[in-house]
């Protein structure tokens, strides 16, 4: 699968698993790490098998482009959290979340989700986690966020005056998650539930003139009237569509990604993916969804544009 012009190839071989060896192949060009440029997306892949025989794959490159290379109707469940609108800058060419208008951002997410729908089985389920953004409209930068070097980066689209492209007033909550969900609902998806993820123990916002946010949406989408759903996990819950789960993800050794917690991914898989079913995350980040899936006995594939995140995810998956 690697072209002659691809970055230098490294090949790692593990001990035999159930009598057969497996290989982990990946090509990481140092220029990618230093400059954040992604080239030859289709030549960057890592794959392996866990010690108990569960397969995993990681693909480095643009989510939309790589999804188009995957066969149709091959995944049972998708659990993913795309980059939020103007929340972080990963300094990667082609990243989603840096669009100048709300319309462009919504279109970018929906375009990827349209391909997700194609690769999802007819009875498959998508769990889409999205956070919202406020429109500042002050016309100036908010400066640097000391908590994260990936936040507060110069003059953002949400800082510019003019109401973005939707004519809203400064200090307004944009409603990004629902704008995406409604667009997807008019693009052949069926929205079955808007799950509220109560981000338990999340760091409070430093605001004084409105309630501090403590939740995000996890939209449950399907592509047909008949689909896999196991409600047994929810029967003991006080509220089935409000999940109170600690917001902190697994430690990533200083990696500047924004992982969602293992328990959130596991809850999605418990109700929306059969045992042994295949899982996909087109915005894999540090690989949380892929790792949790294979640890639960489900083969999984992750895609990410960031070479640093890709490399970290591969290294973590190799340990399982």
Protein backbone atom coordinates (compact mmCIF):
# COMPACT_ATOMS: atom_id res chain seq x y z
CA UNK A 1 0.00 0.00 0.00
CA UNK A 2 2.98 2.29 0.39
CA UNK A 3 4.08 4.26 -2.66
CA UNK A 4 7.70 4.64 -3.67
CA UNK A 5 7.55 8.30 -2.67
CA UNK A 6 6.20 7.65 0.81
CA UNK A 7 8.02 8.66 3.96
CA UNK A 8 10.59 6.23 5.40
CA UNK A 9 8.88 2.99 6.39
CA UNK A 10 9.35 1.32 9.75
CA UNK A 11 8.26 -2.23 10.32
CA UNK A 12 7.74 -3.70 13.77
CA UNK A 13 7.04 -7.38 14.35
CA UNK A 14 5.43 -8.65 17.52
CA UNK A 15 5.56 -12.11 19.07
CA UNK A 16 3.20 -14.66 17.58
CA UNK A 17 -0.45 -14.31 18.54
CA UNK A 18 -2.37 -17.58 18.45
CA UNK A 19 0.38 -19.06 16.33
CA UNK A 20 0.52 -16.30 13.73
CA UNK A 21 2.69 -13.18 13.68
CA UNK A 22 1.37 -9.75 12.88
CA UNK A 23 3.03 -6.58 11.72
CA UNK A 24 2.61 -2.94 12.52
CA UNK A 25 3.42 -0.80 9.53
CA UNK A 26 3.58 2.93 9.51
CA UNK A 27 5.39 5.71 7.77
CA UNK A 28 6.00 8.92 9.65
CA UNK A 29 8.00 11.63 7.92
CA UNK A 30 9.83 13.87 10.37
CA UNK A 31 8.71 16.81 8.26
CA UNK A 32 5.13 15.98 9.18
CA UNK A 33 5.95 16.21 12.86
CA UNK A 34 7.86 19.47 12.49
CA UNK A 35 5.76 21.34 9.98
CA UNK A 36 2.35 19.77 10.45
CA UNK A 37 1.96 19.08 6.73
CA UNK A 38 0.19 15.93 5.63
CA UNK A 39 1.01 14.38 2.27
CA UNK A 40 0.33 11.02 0.65
CA UNK A 41 -2.48 10.29 3.14
CA UNK A 42 -3.20 6.90 1.61
CA UNK A 43 0.33 5.70 2.36
CA UNK A 44 0.09 6.04 6.14
CA UNK A 45 -1.42 3.12 7.95
CA UNK A 46 -0.80 1.11 11.11
CA UNK A 47 -2.42 -2.18 11.97
CA UNK A 48 -2.08 -4.89 14.54
CA UNK A 49 -3.72 -7.53 16.71
CA UNK A 50 -4.01 -7.47 20.49
CA UNK A 51 -2.69 -10.28 22.65
CA UNK A 52 -6.15 -11.86 22.63
CA UNK A 53 -6.55 -11.60 18.87
CA UNK A 54 -8.59 -8.40 18.35
CA UNK A 55 -7.61 -6.47 15.22
CA UNK A 56 -7.09 -2.71 15.05
CA UNK A 57 -6.18 -0.21 12.34
CA UNK A 58 -5.04 3.40 12.43
CA UNK A 59 -5.03 5.62 9.34
CA UNK A 60 -3.19 8.94 9.10
CA UNK A 61 -4.80 11.58 6.91
CA UNK A 62 -7.92 13.53 6.07
CA UNK A 63 -11.05 11.84 7.42
CA UNK A 64 -13.21 12.49 4.36
CA UNK A 65 -10.56 11.34 1.89
CA UNK A 66 -9.75 8.16 3.81
CA UNK A 67 -13.38 7.26 4.48
CA UNK A 68 -13.93 7.28 0.72
CA UNK A 69 -11.38 4.45 0.41
CA UNK A 70 -13.25 2.17 2.84
CA UNK A 71 -15.84 -0.38 1.70
CA UNK A 72 -19.53 0.29 2.24
CA UNK A 73 -21.56 -1.19 5.11
CA UNK A 74 -18.62 -2.58 7.07
CA UNK A 75 -18.88 -1.06 10.59
CA UNK A 76 -21.40 -1.83 13.31
CA UNK A 77 -20.84 1.31 15.35
CA UNK A 78 -19.16 4.72 15.10
CA UNK A 79 -18.20 6.70 18.20
CA UNK A 80 -16.55 10.02 17.47
CA UNK A 81 -15.99 13.60 18.59
CA UNK A 82 -14.90 15.98 15.80
CA UNK A 83 -12.90 19.13 16.58
CA UNK A 84 -15.18 21.82 17.95
CA UNK A 85 -15.71 25.14 16.17
CA UNK A 86 -12.80 27.47 16.97
CA UNK A 87 -11.92 25.85 20.27
CA UNK A 88 -8.43 24.51 19.47
CA UNK A 89 -5.76 25.00 16.83
CA UNK A 90 -3.61 21.93 16.23
CA UNK A 91 -1.51 23.69 13.57
CA UNK A 92 -2.31 21.00 10.99
CA UNK A 93 -3.13 21.97 7.43
CA UNK A 94 -6.67 20.96 6.53
CA UNK A 95 -7.92 20.61 10.11
CA UNK A 96 -11.65 20.95 10.78
CA UNK A 97 -12.72 23.61 13.28
CA UNK A 98 -10.95 26.62 11.76
CA UNK A 99 -13.60 27.55 9.18
CA UNK A 100 -14.46 31.22 8.75
CA UNK A 101 -18.22 30.64 8.87
CA UNK A 102 -20.63 28.44 10.78
CA UNK A 103 -22.01 27.20 7.47
CA UNK A 104 -18.57 26.01 6.34
CA UNK A 105 -17.99 24.18 9.63
CA UNK A 106 -21.39 22.48 9.54
CA UNK A 107 -20.82 21.49 5.93
CA UNK A 108 -17.40 20.03 6.77
CA UNK A 109 -18.80 17.87 9.58
CA UNK A 110 -21.87 16.74 7.62
CA UNK A 111 -19.72 15.81 4.61
CA UNK A 112 -17.67 13.47 6.79
CA UNK A 113 -20.81 12.06 8.41
CA UNK A 114 -22.29 11.35 4.98
CA UNK A 115 -19.32 9.06 4.30
CA UNK A 116 -19.68 7.57 7.77
CA UNK A 117 -23.25 6.68 6.86
CA UNK A 118 -22.03 4.87 3.75
CA UNK A 119 -19.52 2.71 5.64
CA UNK A 120 -21.94 2.01 8.50
CA UNK A 121 -23.96 -1.21 8.33
CA UNK A 122 -27.70 -0.92 7.73
CA UNK A 123 -28.30 -1.80 11.41
CA UNK A 124 -25.40 0.32 12.67
CA UNK A 125 -25.40 3.21 15.13
CA UNK A 126 -23.48 6.49 15.23
CA UNK A 127 -22.71 8.36 18.46
CA UNK A 128 -21.60 11.92 17.69
CA UNK A 129 -20.25 14.09 20.51
CA UNK A 130 -20.21 17.83 19.83
CA UNK A 131 -19.61 20.86 22.04
CA UNK A 132 -20.92 24.38 21.52
CA UNK A 133 -19.18 27.73 21.06
CA UNK A 134 -20.02 31.30 22.03
CA UNK A 135 -19.87 34.18 19.57
CA UNK A 136 -17.75 36.97 21.04
CA UNK A 137 -17.94 39.54 18.24
CA UNK A 138 -15.58 41.92 20.06
CA UNK A 139 -13.34 42.31 17.06
CA UNK A 140 -10.18 41.43 18.95
CA UNK A 141 -8.26 38.40 20.15
CA UNK A 142 -8.87 36.92 23.58
CA UNK A 143 -5.16 36.30 24.00
CA UNK A 144 -3.51 33.08 25.20
CA UNK A 145 -5.17 30.47 27.39
CA UNK A 146 -2.66 29.41 30.03
CA UNK A 147 -4.42 26.05 30.43
CA UNK A 148 -3.78 24.97 26.85
CA UNK A 149 -1.43 26.14 24.10
CA UNK A 150 -4.04 24.93 21.59
CA UNK A 151 -6.64 27.49 22.74
CA UNK A 152 -7.02 31.26 22.38
CA UNK A 153 -5.04 31.67 19.19
CA UNK A 154 -5.15 35.14 17.67
CA UNK A 155 -8.27 36.64 16.13
CA UNK A 156 -10.78 33.84 15.69
CA UNK A 157 -13.79 33.86 13.41
CA UNK A 158 -15.97 33.93 16.55
CA UNK A 159 -14.18 37.10 17.69
CA UNK A 160 -14.83 39.06 14.50
CA UNK A 161 -17.68 41.54 14.30
CA UNK A 162 -20.51 41.01 11.83
CA UNK A 163 -22.49 38.13 13.32
CA UNK A 164 -20.52 35.41 11.57
CA UNK A 165 -22.63 34.31 8.61
CA UNK A 166 -25.81 33.78 10.60
CA UNK A 167 -26.57 37.27 11.94
CA UNK A 168 -26.34 36.49 15.66
CA UNK A 169 -25.58 39.02 18.38
CA UNK A 170 -22.33 39.12 20.38
CA UNK A 171 -22.24 36.91 23.51
CA UNK A 172 -24.69 34.47 21.89
CA UNK A 173 -24.39 30.71 22.15
CA UNK A 174 -24.11 29.62 18.52
CA UNK A 175 -25.95 26.29 18.82
CA UNK A 176 -23.35 24.38 16.80
CA UNK A 177 -24.36 20.84 17.87
CA UNK A 178 -28.00 21.30 16.87
CA UNK A 179 -27.11 23.04 13.61
CA UNK A 180 -25.09 19.94 12.69
CA UNK A 181 -27.74 17.52 13.93
CA UNK A 182 -30.55 19.22 12.02
CA UNK A 183 -28.51 19.29 8.82
CA UNK A 184 -27.71 15.59 9.21
CA UNK A 185 -31.39 14.84 9.77
CA UNK A 186 -32.13 16.38 6.38
CA UNK A 187 -29.32 14.33 4.83
CA UNK A 188 -30.82 10.84 5.28
CA UNK A 189 -29.76 10.30 8.90
CA UNK A 190 -32.33 9.38 11.57
CA UNK A 191 -31.76 11.19 14.88
CA UNK A 192 -32.95 8.80 17.59
CA UNK A 193 -31.72 10.54 20.73
CA UNK A 194 -29.99 13.65 22.01
CA UNK A 195 -28.11 12.25 24.98
CA UNK A 196 -26.92 14.78 27.54
CA UNK A 197 -23.44 14.04 28.81
CA UNK A 198 -23.15 15.68 32.22
CA UNK A 199 -19.41 16.36 32.39
CA UNK A 200 -18.97 15.41 36.02
CA UNK A 201 -16.10 17.16 37.83
CA UNK A 202 -15.25 19.26 34.76
CA UNK A 203 -13.23 22.43 35.34
CA UNK A 204 -15.73 25.28 35.76
CA UNK A 205 -15.85 28.11 33.27
CA UNK A 206 -14.65 31.53 34.47
CA UNK A 207 -17.88 33.42 33.68
CA UNK A 208 -20.00 35.59 35.95
CA UNK A 209 -23.00 36.61 33.82
CA UNK A 210 -24.54 33.23 32.89
CA UNK A 211 -24.74 29.67 34.24
CA UNK A 212 -21.50 27.76 33.75
CA UNK A 213 -21.83 24.93 31.25
CA UNK A 214 -21.59 21.39 32.56
CA UNK A 215 -22.85 19.23 29.68
CA UNK A 216 -22.37 18.35 26.03
CA UNK A 217 -24.51 16.52 23.51
CA UNK A 218 -23.99 12.95 22.32
CA UNK A 219 -26.31 12.48 19.35
CA UNK A 220 -27.42 8.95 18.56
CA UNK A 221 -28.01 8.55 14.81
CA UNK A 222 -29.06 5.50 12.78
CA UNK A 223 -29.53 4.92 9.04
CA UNK A 224 -32.58 2.63 9.06
CA UNK A 225 -35.71 1.91 11.09
CA UNK A 226 -34.23 -1.37 12.36
CA UNK A 227 -30.89 -1.22 14.15
CA UNK A 228 -28.92 -2.74 17.01
CA UNK A 229 -29.76 -1.40 20.47
CA UNK A 230 -29.23 -3.07 23.84
CA UNK A 231 -30.98 -1.17 26.59
CA UNK A 232 -29.96 -3.46 29.46
CA UNK A 233 -27.06 -1.17 30.39
CA UNK A 234 -29.49 1.72 30.84
CA UNK A 235 -32.15 -0.05 32.91
CA UNK A 236 -30.48 0.79 36.21
CA UNK A 237 -29.88 4.42 35.26
CA UNK A 238 -32.01 7.12 36.89
CA UNK A 239 -32.13 9.01 33.58
CA UNK A 240 -31.47 6.97 30.47
CA UNK A 241 -30.66 9.95 28.25
CA UNK A 242 -28.55 11.91 30.72
CA UNK A 243 -25.19 10.33 31.49
CA UNK A 244 -23.22 11.68 34.41
CA UNK A 245 -19.66 10.67 33.54
CA UNK A 246 -16.41 12.22 34.76
CA UNK A 247 -15.06 14.55 32.10
CA UNK A 248 -11.40 13.75 32.39
CA UNK A 249 -10.01 11.41 29.76
CA UNK A 250 -7.16 8.96 30.18
CA UNK A 251 -3.77 10.60 30.67
CA UNK A 252 -1.99 11.15 27.38
CA UNK A 253 1.53 11.97 28.58
CA UNK A 254 1.30 15.63 27.69
CA UNK A 255 -0.31 15.09 24.29
CA UNK A 256 -2.41 18.15 23.47
CA UNK A 257 -5.48 16.27 22.35
CA UNK A 258 -8.93 16.48 23.94
CA UNK A 259 -9.83 12.85 24.77
CA UNK A 260 -13.27 11.97 25.97
CA UNK A 261 -13.46 9.52 28.88
CA UNK A 262 -13.25 5.76 28.47
CA UNK A 263 -16.56 5.35 30.31
CA UNK A 264 -18.39 7.48 27.75
CA UNK A 265 -17.08 5.39 24.86
CA UNK A 266 -17.86 2.16 26.71
CA UNK A 267 -21.44 3.27 27.39
CA UNK A 268 -21.95 3.96 23.69
CA UNK A 269 -20.54 0.56 22.74
CA UNK A 270 -22.59 -1.26 25.37
CA UNK A 271 -25.87 0.00 23.95
CA UNK A 272 -25.03 0.45 20.27
CA UNK A 273 -22.55 -2.24 19.24
CA UNK A 274 -22.93 -6.02 19.45
CA UNK A 275 -20.23 -8.15 21.04
CA UNK A 276 -17.43 -8.54 18.53
CA UNK A 277 -18.91 -5.83 16.28
CA UNK A 278 -16.58 -3.52 14.36
CA UNK A 279 -16.05 0.08 15.47
CA UNK A 280 -14.89 3.23 13.69
CA UNK A 281 -13.73 6.67 14.84
CA UNK A 282 -12.95 9.08 11.97
CA UNK A 283 -11.60 11.71 14.41
CA UNK A 284 -9.57 9.37 16.57
CA UNK A 285 -7.25 11.85 18.29
CA UNK A 286 -5.18 9.89 20.78
CA UNK A 287 -7.11 6.71 19.98
CA UNK A 288 -9.51 6.47 22.94
CA UNK A 289 -12.39 4.94 20.96
CA UNK A 290 -10.13 2.43 19.20
CA UNK A 291 -8.43 1.41 22.43
CA UNK A 292 -11.66 1.01 24.43
CA UNK A 293 -13.22 -0.93 21.55
CA UNK A 294 -10.42 -3.48 21.21
CA UNK A 295 -10.16 -3.85 24.97
CA UNK A 296 -13.84 -4.84 24.92
CA UNK A 297 -13.20 -7.42 22.19
CA UNK A 298 -14.37 -5.33 19.23
CA UNK A 299 -12.11 -4.75 16.19
CA UNK A 300 -11.70 -1.05 15.50
CA UNK A 301 -10.38 1.51 13.03
CA UNK A 302 -9.30 5.06 13.77
CA UNK A 303 -8.50 7.97 11.47
CA UNK A 304 -6.70 11.16 12.38
CA UNK A 305 -5.01 14.01 10.53
CA UNK A 306 -2.44 14.78 13.22
CA UNK A 307 0.81 12.76 12.94
CA UNK A 308 1.56 13.27 16.64
CA UNK A 309 -1.83 11.87 17.67
CA UNK A 310 -1.50 9.02 15.16
CA UNK A 311 1.88 7.99 16.50
CA UNK A 312 0.69 8.13 20.12
CA UNK A 313 -2.41 6.04 19.34
CA UNK A 314 -0.33 3.39 17.56
CA UNK A 315 2.12 3.17 20.46
CA UNK A 316 -0.71 2.76 22.95
CA UNK A 317 -2.48 0.13 20.87
CA UNK A 318 0.74 -1.86 20.56
CA UNK A 319 0.70 -2.31 24.37
CA UNK A 320 -2.65 -4.09 24.45
